[in-house]
Amino acid sequence: MLKSLPSSLRSVAAKRIATQSSRLRSGTMLKSCPKAITTITTRSFHQTSIMFNQTPESALNEVVKAESKISEAIPNELDQVYQEFLNTSGFEVVSTPGTASVELVKKDADTGNILHVYFDIDEVTDIPTEDLAALESGDLEEEANQLDQLLCNVKILVENPSNNSGLFLNLFLQNTESSFMIDFVNVQEDVRSFIKSIKEENEFIDKFKYQGPKFAELDESLQTEFENYLVAKGIDNELADFIVAFSDYKEEGEYRTWLNAVSKFLN
């Protein structure tokens, strides 16, 4: 199937197939966080010839427009199951076009607290693939096992407006399995100022403040109850699945907007 796709889309298709294959093998859970592995991919320059009477701008724009046409031919819609998730969970999406950061917000009916979920679509969708030939040969299991090592940040803030305090939890999302892992937990004594810092500077961590103990070193019963608390507040497998799906959806939309902006500049 991959061989019939244009080469520019092969890496995207391979990433999604590998991700879906891995998700089918596992359930979703909250657990303490192992060391994250970071992978950085780069591409070196290489030169191709420009056609006679064609400027560098027009040559580049031709390829950009072709890529845009291919992208627009593929539907980019958020699946109905995720629309239903928003309706049933009570979460509202706060997302600004042109930005990678996303916030989910809902009010806890039992306590009156406000739950904030923060994530970055670039982190969630940044799943590097190995040589495409490995995928085309059907070696998805090995590829998925390697992807299981990749983690991205999801931050949870439980805001208590009545006394201006908050409980902040830094989580990792294992995006190939849609499973959360708790990194650390701390209390924000001035939650309004904390939220202001997030909105204005996208800052979540003050390096001079104690961020709490290593979660994995806490007593097992304490770890379990923190995990149960999060699940009771809706920080569960359905939320993890939504974050991954919405990130793919928004990233594709931003990519198409970026192609159009580049093409407009080159015209």
C-alpha atoms as a PDB file:
ATOM      1  CA  MET A   1       0.000   0.000   0.000  1.00  0.00           C
ATOM      2  CA  LEU A   2       2.787   2.436   0.885  1.00  0.00           C
ATOM      3  CA  LYS A   3       4.459   2.012  -2.500  1.00  0.00           C
ATOM      4  CA  SER A   4       1.450   3.497  -4.269  1.00  0.00           C
ATOM      5  CA  LEU A   5       1.639   6.753  -2.286  1.00  0.00           C
ATOM      6  CA  PRO A   6       3.630   9.816  -3.390  1.00  0.00           C
ATOM      7  CA  SER A   7       7.078   9.822  -1.784  1.00  0.00           C
ATOM      8  CA  SER A   8       6.346  13.077   0.080  1.00  0.00           C
ATOM      9  CA  LEU A   9       3.573  11.384   2.034  1.00  0.00           C
ATOM     10  CA  ARG A  10       5.258   8.061   2.711  1.00  0.00           C
ATOM     11  CA  SER A  11       6.869   9.102   5.985  1.00  0.00           C
ATOM     12  CA  VAL A  12       3.537  10.415   7.307  1.00  0.00           C
ATOM     13  CA  ALA A  13       1.712   7.235   6.376  1.00  0.00           C
ATOM     14  CA  ALA A  14       4.457   5.081   7.849  1.00  0.00           C
ATOM     15  CA  LYS A  15       4.344   6.988  11.132  1.00  0.00           C
ATOM     16  CA  ARG A  16       0.579   6.573  11.461  1.00  0.00           C
ATOM     17  CA  ILE A  17       0.646   2.856  10.567  1.00  0.00           C
ATOM     18  CA  ALA A  18       3.398   2.204  13.090  1.00  0.00           C
ATOM     19  CA  THR A  19       1.550   4.163  15.764  1.00  0.00           C
ATOM     20  CA  GLN A  20      -1.760   2.403  15.150  1.00  0.00           C
ATOM     21  CA  SER A  21      -0.059  -0.994  15.135  1.00  0.00           C
ATOM     22  CA  SER A  22       1.490  -0.299  18.522  1.00  0.00           C
ATOM     23  CA  ARG A  23      -1.788   0.919  20.069  1.00  0.00           C
ATOM     24  CA  LEU A  24      -3.513  -2.306  19.145  1.00  0.00           C
ATOM     25  CA  ARG A  25      -1.058  -4.248  21.277  1.00  0.00           C
ATOM     26  CA  SER A  26      -1.669  -2.547  24.598  1.00  0.00           C
ATOM     27  CA  GLY A  27      -4.166  -1.033  26.999  1.00  0.00           C
ATOM     28  CA  THR A  28      -3.946   2.364  28.667  1.00  0.00           C
ATOM     29  CA  MET A  29      -2.683   3.023  32.175  1.00  0.00           C
ATOM     30  CA  LEU A  30      -1.106   5.575  34.452  1.00  0.00           C
ATOM     31  CA  LYS A  31       2.331   4.697  35.759  1.00  0.00           C
ATOM     32  CA  SER A  32       5.544   6.228  37.027  1.00  0.00           C
ATOM     33  CA  CYS A  33       7.873   7.677  34.437  1.00  0.00           C
ATOM     34  CA  PRO A  34      11.092   6.064  33.126  1.00  0.00           C
ATOM     35  CA  LYS A  35      13.822   8.138  31.526  1.00  0.00           C
ATOM     36  CA  ALA A  36      12.625   9.657  28.246  1.00  0.00           C
ATOM     37  CA  ILE A  37      14.531   9.127  25.029  1.00  0.00           C
ATOM     38  CA  THR A  38      14.904  12.085  22.676  1.00  0.00           C
ATOM     39  CA  THR A  39      15.439  11.593  18.962  1.00  0.00           C
ATOM     40  CA  ILE A  40      16.429  14.422  16.623  1.00  0.00           C
ATOM     41  CA  THR A  41      16.315  14.021  12.863  1.00  0.00           C
ATOM     42  CA  THR A  42      18.075  16.339  10.430  1.00  0.00           C
ATOM     43  CA  ARG A  43      18.280  16.665   6.657  1.00  0.00           C
ATOM     44  CA  SER A  44      21.335  17.857   4.736  1.00  0.00           C
ATOM     45  CA  PHE A  45      21.146  20.155   1.701  1.00  0.00           C
ATOM     46  CA  HIS A  46      21.460  18.752  -1.803  1.00  0.00           C
ATOM     47  CA  GLN A  47      21.188  20.542  -5.095  1.00  0.00           C
ATOM     48  CA  THR A  48      18.845  19.782  -8.010  1.00  0.00           C
ATOM     49  CA  SER A  49      18.844  21.481 -11.376  1.00  0.00           C
ATOM     50  CA  ILE A  50      16.432  24.340 -12.143  1.00  0.00           C
ATOM     51  CA  MET A  51      14.634  24.324 -15.473  1.00  0.00           C
ATOM     52  CA  PHE A  52      15.583  26.929 -18.108  1.00  0.00           C
ATOM     53  CA  ASN A  53      13.872  30.306 -17.577  1.00  0.00           C
ATOM     54  CA  GLN A  54      12.686  29.198 -14.120  1.00  0.00           C
ATOM     55  CA  THR A  55      13.597  31.252 -11.049  1.00  0.00           C
ATOM     56  CA  PRO A  56      14.475  29.648  -7.706  1.00  0.00           C
ATOM     57  CA  GLU A  57      11.220  31.084  -6.316  1.00  0.00           C
ATOM     58  CA  SER A  58       9.052  29.590  -9.046  1.00  0.00           C
ATOM     59  CA  ALA A  59      10.842  26.230  -8.825  1.00  0.00           C
ATOM     60  CA  LEU A  60      10.249  26.043  -5.088  1.00  0.00           C
ATOM     61  CA  ASN A  61       6.676  27.299  -5.381  1.00  0.00           C
ATOM     62  CA  GLU A  62       5.892  24.625  -7.958  1.00  0.00           C
ATOM     63  CA  VAL A  63       6.854  21.896  -5.515  1.00  0.00           C
ATOM     64  CA  VAL A  64       5.079  23.615  -2.607  1.00  0.00           C
ATOM     65  CA  LYS A  65       1.862  23.878  -4.615  1.00  0.00           C
ATOM     66  CA  ALA A  66       2.101  20.225  -5.651  1.00  0.00           C
ATOM     67  CA  GLU A  67       2.521  19.181  -2.018  1.00  0.00           C
ATOM     68  CA  SER A  68      -0.406  21.385  -1.000  1.00  0.00           C
ATOM     69  CA  LYS A  69      -2.592  19.798  -3.674  1.00  0.00           C
ATOM     70  CA  ILE A  70      -1.717  16.314  -2.436  1.00  0.00           C
ATOM     71  CA  SER A  71      -2.408  17.277   1.184  1.00  0.00           C
ATOM     72  CA  GLU A  72      -5.763  18.893   0.405  1.00  0.00           C
ATOM     73  CA  ALA A  73      -6.856  15.753  -1.438  1.00  0.00           C
ATOM     74  CA  ILE A  74      -6.713  13.793   1.818  1.00  0.00           C
ATOM     75  CA  PRO A  75      -9.599  14.453   4.269  1.00  0.00           C
ATOM     76  CA  ASN A  76      -8.547  16.036   7.543  1.00  0.00           C
ATOM     77  CA  GLU A  77     -11.416  15.725   9.981  1.00  0.00           C
ATOM     78  CA  LEU A  78     -11.585  14.909  13.663  1.00  0.00           C
ATOM     79  CA  ASP A  79     -13.309  11.550  13.938  1.00  0.00           C
ATOM     80  CA  GLN A  80     -16.838  11.566  15.327  1.00  0.00           C
ATOM     81  CA  VAL A  81     -15.776   9.449  18.302  1.00  0.00           C
ATOM     82  CA  TYR A  82     -13.572  12.319  19.494  1.00  0.00           C
ATOM     83  CA  GLN A  83     -16.345  14.856  18.973  1.00  0.00           C
ATOM     84  CA  GLU A  84     -18.484  12.646  21.199  1.00  0.00           C
ATOM     85  CA  PHE A  85     -15.671  12.475  23.753  1.00  0.00           C
ATOM     86  CA  LEU A  86     -15.791  16.265  24.121  1.00  0.00           C
ATOM     87  CA  ASN A  87     -19.561  16.163  24.578  1.00  0.00           C
ATOM     88  CA  THR A  88     -19.501  13.450  27.234  1.00  0.00           C
ATOM     89  CA  SER A  89     -16.310  14.414  29.106  1.00  0.00           C
ATOM     90  CA  GLY A  90     -17.122  18.098  29.498  1.00  0.00           C
ATOM     91  CA  PHE A  91     -13.738  19.236  28.210  1.00  0.00           C
ATOM     92  CA  GLU A  92     -13.584  22.327  26.009  1.00  0.00           C
ATOM     93  CA  VAL A  93     -10.727  22.886  23.562  1.00  0.00           C
ATOM     94  CA  VAL A  94      -8.785  26.163  23.723  1.00  0.00           C
ATOM     95  CA  SER A  95      -6.658  26.324  20.595  1.00  0.00           C
ATOM     96  CA  THR A  96      -5.380  29.296  18.602  1.00  0.00           C
ATOM     97  CA  PRO A  97      -4.571  28.920  14.887  1.00  0.00           C
ATOM     98  CA  GLY A  98      -0.858  29.213  14.225  1.00  0.00           C
ATOM     99  CA  THR A  99       0.187  27.931  17.649  1.00  0.00           C
ATOM    100  CA  ALA A 100       1.292  24.458  18.746  1.00  0.00           C
ATOM    101  CA  SER A 101       0.002  24.694  22.320  1.00  0.00           C
ATOM    102  CA  VAL A 102      -3.461  23.375  23.199  1.00  0.00           C
ATOM    103  CA  GLU A 103      -5.454  23.587  26.420  1.00  0.00           C
ATOM    104  CA  LEU A 104      -8.424  21.494  27.496  1.00  0.00           C
ATOM    105  CA  VAL A 105     -10.601  22.931  30.261  1.00  0.00           C
ATOM    106  CA  LYS A 106     -13.526  21.644  32.278  1.00  0.00           C
ATOM    107  CA  LYS A 107     -15.193  22.267  35.630  1.00  0.00           C
ATOM    108  CA  ASP A 108     -15.310  19.463  38.169  1.00  0.00           C
ATOM    109  CA  ALA A 109     -18.968  19.195  39.129  1.00  0.00           C
ATOM    110  CA  ASP A 110     -18.149  17.554  42.482  1.00  0.00           C
ATOM    111  CA  THR A 111     -15.685  20.136  43.808  1.00  0.00           C
ATOM    112  CA  GLY A 112     -16.099  23.236  41.657  1.00  0.00           C
ATOM    113  CA  ASN A 113     -12.408  23.024  40.778  1.00  0.00           C
ATOM    114  CA  ILE A 114     -11.289  23.751  37.224  1.00  0.00           C
ATOM    115  CA  LEU A 115      -9.210  21.161  35.375  1.00  0.00           C
ATOM    116  CA  HIS A 116      -6.649  22.366  32.836  1.00  0.00           C
ATOM    117  CA  VAL A 117      -4.853  19.990  30.468  1.00  0.00           C
ATOM    118  CA  TYR A 118      -1.935  21.417  28.491  1.00  0.00           C
ATOM    119  CA  PHE A 119      -0.079  19.758  25.613  1.00  0.00           C
ATOM    120  CA  ASP A 120       1.996  20.667  22.563  1.00  0.00           C
ATOM    121  CA  ILE A 121       1.023  19.138  19.215  1.00  0.00           C
ATOM    122  CA  ASP A 122       4.615  19.213  17.974  1.00  0.00           C
ATOM    123  CA  GLU A 123       5.690  16.997  20.852  1.00  0.00           C
ATOM    124  CA  VAL A 124       2.770  14.609  20.504  1.00  0.00           C
ATOM    125  CA  THR A 125       3.119  14.137  16.746  1.00  0.00           C
ATOM    126  CA  ASP A 126       6.923  14.042  16.634  1.00  0.00           C
ATOM    127  CA  ILE A 127       7.288  10.278  16.138  1.00  0.00           C
ATOM    128  CA  PRO A 128      10.415   9.647  14.051  1.00  0.00           C
ATOM    129  CA  THR A 129      10.446   6.595  11.771  1.00  0.00           C
ATOM    130  CA  GLU A 130      13.336   4.344  10.909  1.00  0.00           C
ATOM    131  CA  ASP A 131      14.178   3.411   7.330  1.00  0.00           C
ATOM    132  CA  LEU A 132      10.875   3.235   5.427  1.00  0.00           C
ATOM    133  CA  ALA A 133      11.999  -0.025   3.868  1.00  0.00           C
ATOM    134  CA  ALA A 134      11.589  -1.708   7.247  1.00  0.00           C
ATOM    135  CA  LEU A 135       7.936  -0.680   7.318  1.00  0.00           C
ATOM    136  CA  GLU A 136       7.309  -1.629   3.700  1.00  0.00           C
ATOM    137  CA  SER A 137       8.737  -5.071   4.394  1.00  0.00           C
ATOM    138  CA  GLY A 138       6.106  -5.532   7.089  1.00  0.00           C
ATOM    139  CA  ASP A 139       8.417  -5.219  10.109  1.00  0.00           C
ATOM    140  CA  LEU A 140       5.902  -3.101  12.055  1.00  0.00           C
ATOM    141  CA  GLU A 141       6.297  -4.914  15.376  1.00  0.00           C
ATOM    142  CA  GLU A 142       9.984  -4.057  15.717  1.00  0.00           C
ATOM    143  CA  GLU A 143       9.315  -0.452  14.672  1.00  0.00           C
ATOM    144  CA  ALA A 144       6.479  -0.128  17.190  1.00  0.00           C
ATOM    145  CA  ASN A 145       8.674  -1.493  19.988  1.00  0.00           C
ATOM    146  CA  GLN A 146      11.192   1.273  19.294  1.00  0.00           C
ATOM    147  CA  LEU A 147       8.475   3.923  19.235  1.00  0.00           C
ATOM    148  CA  ASP A 148       7.278   2.801  22.674  1.00  0.00           C
ATOM    149  CA  GLN A 149      10.355   4.526  24.125  1.00  0.00           C
ATOM    150  CA  LEU A 150       9.193   7.977  22.995  1.00  0.00           C
ATOM    151  CA  LEU A 151       7.436  10.255  25.445  1.00  0.00           C
ATOM    152  CA  CYS A 152       5.870  13.720  25.290  1.00  0.00           C
ATOM    153  CA  ASN A 153       4.752  16.129  27.993  1.00  0.00           C
ATOM    154  CA  VAL A 154       1.167  16.583  29.164  1.00  0.00           C
ATOM    155  CA  LYS A 155       0.589  18.938  32.081  1.00  0.00           C
ATOM    156  CA  ILE A 156      -2.392  18.832  34.413  1.00  0.00           C
ATOM    157  CA  LEU A 157      -3.474  21.687  36.667  1.00  0.00           C
ATOM    158  CA  VAL A 158      -6.353  21.300  39.114  1.00  0.00           C
ATOM    159  CA  GLU A 159      -7.300  24.869  40.011  1.00  0.00           C
ATOM    160  CA  ASN A 160      -9.201  25.721  43.195  1.00  0.00           C
ATOM    161  CA  PRO A 161     -10.563  29.229  42.514  1.00  0.00           C
ATOM    162  CA  SER A 162     -11.978  29.603  46.032  1.00  0.00           C
ATOM    163  CA  ASN A 163      -8.585  29.725  47.760  1.00  0.00           C
ATOM    164  CA  ASN A 164      -6.272  30.492  44.788  1.00  0.00           C
ATOM    165  CA  SER A 165      -4.387  27.196  45.036  1.00  0.00           C
ATOM    166  CA  GLY A 166      -3.716  24.453  42.554  1.00  0.00           C
ATOM    167  CA  LEU A 167      -2.367  20.929  42.195  1.00  0.00           C
ATOM    168  CA  PHE A 168       0.070  20.654  39.289  1.00  0.00           C
ATOM    169  CA  LEU A 169       1.034  17.286  37.797  1.00  0.00           C
ATOM    170  CA  ASN A 170       3.623  16.826  35.084  1.00  0.00           C
ATOM    171  CA  LEU A 171       2.820  13.718  33.054  1.00  0.00           C
ATOM    172  CA  PHE A 172       4.371  11.954  30.121  1.00  0.00           C
ATOM    173  CA  LEU A 173       2.233  10.566  27.351  1.00  0.00           C
ATOM    174  CA  GLN A 174       3.530   7.443  25.658  1.00  0.00           C
ATOM    175  CA  ASN A 175       1.871   8.321  22.399  1.00  0.00           C
ATOM    176  CA  THR A 176       2.195   4.947  20.689  1.00  0.00           C
ATOM    177  CA  GLU A 177       0.183   3.348  23.497  1.00  0.00           C
ATOM    178  CA  SER A 178      -1.841   6.361  24.661  1.00  0.00           C
ATOM    179  CA  SER A 179      -0.724   5.787  28.235  1.00  0.00           C
ATOM    180  CA  PHE A 180       0.136   8.384  30.873  1.00  0.00           C
ATOM    181  CA  MET A 181       3.092   8.266  33.256  1.00  0.00           C
ATOM    182  CA  ILE A 182       3.409  10.589  36.254  1.00  0.00           C
ATOM    183  CA  ASP A 183       6.664  12.502  36.494  1.00  0.00           C
ATOM    184  CA  PHE A 184       6.137  14.782  39.511  1.00  0.00           C
ATOM    185  CA  VAL A 185       3.415  16.534  41.524  1.00  0.00           C
ATOM    186  CA  ASN A 186       3.468  19.847  43.361  1.00  0.00           C
ATOM    187  CA  VAL A 187       1.149  22.443  44.887  1.00  0.00           C
ATOM    188  CA  GLN A 188       0.814  25.935  43.407  1.00  0.00           C
ATOM    189  CA  GLU A 189       0.018  28.318  46.251  1.00  0.00           C
ATOM    190  CA  ASP A 190      -0.776  31.226  43.907  1.00  0.00           C
ATOM    191  CA  VAL A 191      -2.538  29.497  41.041  1.00  0.00           C
ATOM    192  CA  ARG A 192      -3.739  32.705  39.384  1.00  0.00           C
ATOM    193  CA  SER A 193      -0.161  33.918  38.943  1.00  0.00           C
ATOM    194  CA  PHE A 194       0.821  30.437  37.749  1.00  0.00           C
ATOM    195  CA  ILE A 195      -1.900  30.447  35.084  1.00  0.00           C
ATOM    196  CA  LYS A 196      -0.905  33.964  34.044  1.00  0.00           C
ATOM    197  CA  SER A 197       2.680  32.794  33.557  1.00  0.00           C
ATOM    198  CA  ILE A 198       1.464  29.906  31.433  1.00  0.00           C
ATOM    199  CA  LYS A 199      -0.630  32.165  29.197  1.00  0.00           C
ATOM    200  CA  GLU A 200       1.961  34.920  28.794  1.00  0.00           C
ATOM    201  CA  GLU A 201       5.227  32.995  28.767  1.00  0.00           C
ATOM    202  CA  ASN A 202       4.236  29.332  28.350  1.00  0.00           C
ATOM    203  CA  GLU A 203       6.238  28.621  31.503  1.00  0.00           C
ATOM    204  CA  PHE A 204       5.259  25.732  33.766  1.00  0.00           C
ATOM    205  CA  ILE A 205       8.375  25.106  35.820  1.00  0.00           C
ATOM    206  CA  ASP A 206      10.320  27.489  38.048  1.00  0.00           C
ATOM    207  CA  LYS A 207      13.825  25.994  38.144  1.00  0.00           C
ATOM    208  CA  PHE A 208      14.450  27.598  41.528  1.00  0.00           C
ATOM    209  CA  LYS A 209      11.474  25.918  43.193  1.00  0.00           C
ATOM    210  CA  TYR A 210      11.218  22.377  44.507  1.00  0.00           C
ATOM    211  CA  GLN A 211       9.136  20.385  42.024  1.00  0.00           C
ATOM    212  CA  GLY A 212       8.263  17.560  44.365  1.00  0.00           C
ATOM    213  CA  PRO A 213       9.737  14.107  44.937  1.00  0.00           C
ATOM    214  CA  LYS A 214      10.451  11.661  42.145  1.00  0.00           C
ATOM    215  CA  PHE A 215       7.119   9.986  41.698  1.00  0.00           C
ATOM    216  CA  ALA A 216       8.609   6.561  41.043  1.00  0.00           C
ATOM    217  CA  GLU A 217      10.283   6.665  44.466  1.00  0.00           C
ATOM    218  CA  LEU A 218       7.060   7.258  46.393  1.00  0.00           C
ATOM    219  CA  ASP A 219       5.402   4.478  48.335  1.00  0.00           C
ATOM    220  CA  GLU A 220       3.435   2.270  45.950  1.00  0.00           C
ATOM    221  CA  SER A 221       0.151   2.929  47.751  1.00  0.00           C
ATOM    222  CA  LEU A 222       0.676   6.674  47.339  1.00  0.00           C
ATOM    223  CA  GLN A 223       1.442   6.256  43.651  1.00  0.00           C
ATOM    224  CA  THR A 224      -1.709   4.190  43.205  1.00  0.00           C
ATOM    225  CA  GLU A 225      -3.960   6.758  44.871  1.00  0.00           C
ATOM    226  CA  PHE A 226      -2.545   9.607  42.787  1.00  0.00           C
ATOM    227  CA  GLU A 227      -3.264   7.537  39.688  1.00  0.00           C
ATOM    228  CA  ASN A 228      -6.788   6.752  40.910  1.00  0.00           C
ATOM    229  CA  TYR A 229      -7.350  10.459  41.593  1.00  0.00           C
ATOM    230  CA  LEU A 230      -6.398  11.381  38.035  1.00  0.00           C
ATOM    231  CA  VAL A 231      -8.612   8.703  36.516  1.00  0.00           C
ATOM    232  CA  ALA A 232     -11.543   9.873  38.650  1.00  0.00           C
ATOM    233  CA  LYS A 233     -11.029  13.395  37.270  1.00  0.00           C
ATOM    234  CA  GLY A 234     -11.102  12.175  33.675  1.00  0.00           C
ATOM    235  CA  ILE A 235      -7.354  11.902  33.067  1.00  0.00           C
ATOM    236  CA  ASP A 236      -7.674   8.456  31.536  1.00  0.00           C
ATOM    237  CA  ASN A 237      -7.235   6.376  28.398  1.00  0.00           C
ATOM    238  CA  GLU A 238      -9.972   8.209  26.504  1.00  0.00           C
ATOM    239  CA  LEU A 239      -8.291  11.548  27.162  1.00  0.00           C
ATOM    240  CA  ALA A 240      -4.931  10.155  26.047  1.00  0.00           C
ATOM    241  CA  ASP A 241      -6.467   8.892  22.806  1.00  0.00           C
ATOM    242  CA  PHE A 242      -8.117  12.269  22.225  1.00  0.00           C
ATOM    243  CA  ILE A 243      -4.851  14.170  22.748  1.00  0.00           C
ATOM    244  CA  VAL A 244      -3.061  12.022  20.165  1.00  0.00           C
ATOM    245  CA  ALA A 245      -5.926  12.252  17.649  1.00  0.00           C
ATOM    246  CA  PHE A 246      -6.461  15.988  18.083  1.00  0.00           C
ATOM    247  CA  SER A 247      -2.725  16.642  17.774  1.00  0.00           C
ATOM    248  CA  ASP A 248      -2.620  14.778  14.460  1.00  0.00           C
ATOM    249  CA  TYR A 249      -5.675  16.694  13.263  1.00  0.00           C
ATOM    250  CA  LYS A 250      -4.388  20.137  14.281  1.00  0.00           C
ATOM    251  CA  GLU A 251      -0.849  19.486  13.064  1.00  0.00           C
ATOM    252  CA  GLU A 252      -2.159  18.556   9.614  1.00  0.00           C
ATOM    253  CA  GLY A 253      -4.247  21.738   9.525  1.00  0.00           C
ATOM    254  CA  GLU A 254      -1.267  23.863  10.541  1.00  0.00           C
ATOM    255  CA  TYR A 255       0.872  22.134   7.905  1.00  0.00           C
ATOM    256  CA  ARG A 256      -1.610  23.017   5.165  1.00  0.00           C
ATOM    257  CA  THR A 257      -1.753  26.615   6.360  1.00  0.00           C
ATOM    258  CA  TRP A 258       2.042  26.728   6.349  1.00  0.00           C
ATOM    259  CA  LEU A 259       2.183  25.446   2.754  1.00  0.00           C
ATOM    260  CA  ASN A 260      -0.257  28.142   1.659  1.00  0.00           C
ATOM    261  CA  ALA A 261       1.735  30.844   3.468  1.00  0.00           C
ATOM    262  CA  VAL A 262       4.994  29.744   1.843  1.00  0.00           C
ATOM    263  CA  SER A 263       3.356  29.643  -1.583  1.00  0.00           C
ATOM    264  CA  LYS A 264       1.853  33.100  -1.079  1.00  0.00           C
ATOM    265  CA  PHE A 265       5.277  34.486  -0.180  1.00  0.00           C
ATOM    266  CA  LEU A 266       6.877  32.946  -3.287  1.00  0.00           C
ATOM    267  CA  ASN A 267       4.225  34.239  -5.690  1.00  0.00           C
END
